Each structure stands twice: as C-alpha cells, then as structure tokens.
C-alpha atoms as a PDB file:
ATOM      1  CA  UNK A   1    -113.696 229.161 -74.540  1.00  0.00           C
ATOM      2  CA  UNK A   2    -110.406 230.778 -73.889  1.00  0.00           C
ATOM      3  CA  UNK A   3    -108.450 229.894 -70.706  1.00  0.00           C
ATOM      4  CA  UNK A   4    -105.401 231.797 -69.731  1.00  0.00           C
ATOM      5  CA  UNK A   5    -102.755 230.142 -67.603  1.00  0.00           C
ATOM      6  CA  UNK A   6    -100.246 231.820 -65.281  1.00  0.00           C
ATOM      7  CA  UNK A   7     -97.388 229.999 -63.513  1.00  0.00           C
ATOM      8  CA  UNK A   8     -97.012 230.671 -59.928  1.00  0.00           C
ATOM      9  CA  UNK A   9     -93.301 231.216 -60.072  1.00  0.00           C
ATOM     10  CA  UNK A  10     -90.290 231.183 -62.243  1.00  0.00           C
ATOM     11  CA  UNK A  11     -88.405 228.337 -63.811  1.00  0.00           C
ATOM     12  CA  UNK A  12     -86.004 226.542 -61.378  1.00  0.00           C
ATOM     13  CA  UNK A  13     -87.952 227.756 -58.257  1.00  0.00           C
ATOM     14  CA  UNK A  14     -88.831 225.033 -55.726  1.00  0.00           C
ATOM     15  CA  UNK A  15     -92.421 223.987 -56.020  1.00  0.00           C
ATOM     16  CA  UNK A  16     -93.215 225.204 -59.402  1.00  0.00           C
ATOM     17  CA  UNK A  17     -94.862 222.328 -61.004  1.00  0.00           C
ATOM     18  CA  UNK A  18     -96.764 223.628 -63.981  1.00  0.00           C
ATOM     19  CA  UNK A  19     -97.408 226.586 -66.243  1.00  0.00           C
ATOM     20  CA  UNK A  20     -93.753 227.621 -66.920  1.00  0.00           C
ATOM     21  CA  UNK A  21     -91.299 225.976 -69.405  1.00  0.00           C
ATOM     22  CA  UNK A  22     -87.551 226.066 -68.726  1.00  0.00           C
ATOM     23  CA  UNK A  23     -86.685 227.745 -72.042  1.00  0.00           C
ATOM     24  CA  UNK A  24     -89.263 230.650 -71.403  1.00  0.00           C
ATOM     25  CA  UNK A  25     -87.416 234.004 -71.919  1.00  0.00           C
ATOM     26  CA  UNK A  26     -90.313 236.496 -71.504  1.00  0.00           C
ATOM     27  CA  UNK A  27     -92.301 236.854 -68.307  1.00  0.00           C
ATOM     28  CA  UNK A  28     -95.561 238.820 -67.956  1.00  0.00           C
ATOM     29  CA  UNK A  29     -96.784 239.250 -64.433  1.00  0.00           C
ATOM     30  CA  UNK A  30    -100.384 239.692 -63.484  1.00  0.00           C
ATOM     31  CA  UNK A  31    -101.349 242.298 -60.983  1.00  0.00           C
ATOM     32  CA  UNK A  32    -103.492 239.876 -58.995  1.00  0.00           C
ATOM     33  CA  UNK A  33    -104.879 242.478 -56.619  1.00  0.00           C
ATOM     34  CA  UNK A  34    -105.925 244.890 -59.340  1.00  0.00           C
ATOM     35  CA  UNK A  35    -107.376 242.148 -61.501  1.00  0.00           C
ATOM     36  CA  UNK A  36    -109.462 240.842 -58.668  1.00  0.00           C
ATOM     37  CA  UNK A  37    -110.470 244.402 -57.793  1.00  0.00           C
ATOM     38  CA  UNK A  38    -111.600 244.900 -61.449  1.00  0.00           C
ATOM     39  CA  UNK A  39    -113.730 241.707 -61.289  1.00  0.00           C
ATOM     40  CA  UNK A  40    -111.523 239.222 -62.957  1.00  0.00           C
ATOM     41  CA  UNK A  41    -112.108 235.711 -61.781  1.00  0.00           C
ATOM     42  CA  UNK A  42    -108.940 233.838 -60.926  1.00  0.00           C
ATOM     43  CA  UNK A  43    -108.681 230.121 -59.997  1.00  0.00           C
ATOM     44  CA  UNK A  44    -105.823 228.072 -58.525  1.00  0.00           C
ATOM     45  CA  UNK A  45    -105.634 224.544 -59.995  1.00  0.00           C
ATOM     46  CA  UNK A  46    -104.579 221.371 -58.074  1.00  0.00           C
ATOM     47  CA  UNK A  47    -101.050 221.796 -59.698  1.00  0.00           C
ATOM     48  CA  UNK A  48    -100.719 225.436 -58.512  1.00  0.00           C
ATOM     49  CA  UNK A  49    -101.301 227.080 -61.857  1.00  0.00           C
ATOM     50  CA  UNK A  50    -103.478 230.267 -61.878  1.00  0.00           C
ATOM     51  CA  UNK A  51    -106.057 230.137 -64.615  1.00  0.00           C
ATOM     52  CA  UNK A  52    -108.582 232.785 -65.762  1.00  0.00           C
ATOM     53  CA  UNK A  53    -110.894 233.584 -68.575  1.00  0.00           C
ATOM     54  CA  UNK A  54    -109.746 237.282 -68.364  1.00  0.00           C
ATOM     55  CA  UNK A  55    -112.458 239.505 -69.844  1.00  0.00           C
ATOM     56  CA  UNK A  56    -113.807 237.829 -72.984  1.00  0.00           C
ATOM     57  CA  UNK A  57    -110.363 235.981 -73.254  1.00  0.00           C
ATOM     58  CA  UNK A  58    -108.321 239.165 -72.840  1.00  0.00           C
ATOM     59  CA  UNK A  59    -106.153 240.290 -70.002  1.00  0.00           C
ATOM     60  CA  UNK A  60    -106.244 244.244 -70.072  1.00  0.00           C
ATOM     61  CA  UNK A  61    -102.877 245.861 -69.896  1.00  0.00           C
ATOM     62  CA  UNK A  62    -104.016 247.865 -66.784  1.00  0.00           C
ATOM     63  CA  UNK A  63    -103.896 244.313 -65.090  1.00  0.00           C
ATOM     64  CA  UNK A  64    -100.265 243.601 -66.079  1.00  0.00           C
ATOM     65  CA  UNK A  65     -97.869 244.317 -63.212  1.00  0.00           C
ATOM     66  CA  UNK A  66     -94.715 244.058 -65.386  1.00  0.00           C
ATOM     67  CA  UNK A  67     -93.180 242.212 -68.080  1.00  0.00           C
ATOM     68  CA  UNK A  68     -89.476 241.388 -68.421  1.00  0.00           C
ATOM     69  CA  UNK A  69     -87.049 239.259 -70.351  1.00  0.00           C
ATOM     70  CA  UNK A  70     -84.581 236.840 -68.659  1.00  0.00           C
END
C-alpha cells in the first residue's frame, strides 16, 4: 500500500515536527479543498503530518495547488 506524506509547513517554521527535511529544495503544495471535494481521503497524524493514499497511490495534477523551488 502506498501512503503519501505531506508536511504541514516549511522548513524552519515553528511547530513543524515531521514530513519536511531541512535540505528540501522543491515544494509541492496540495490543494486540500479540491482534493477533499474530489473524494481524496486525508488524515492528520499525531505529529501533524498529512497523509493520504491518493487515488490508487497517485496525486492527480489537478489536486496540486503549486510547486516551487527554494
């Protein structure tokens, strides 16, 4: 089973515990509202990481809000 993890913030932000590594240089932002509307199940873990199975292990590009490099 594929589980996809999303951090709930960016490196260096207060409260960011898991899901993001300091040397990360590319950020892909999930459009949470659209993903939920499309039926994607999202879960928030105890350490504040957002996890999902996507749709058969895939996050469709229509559910990506933006991507950027640091």
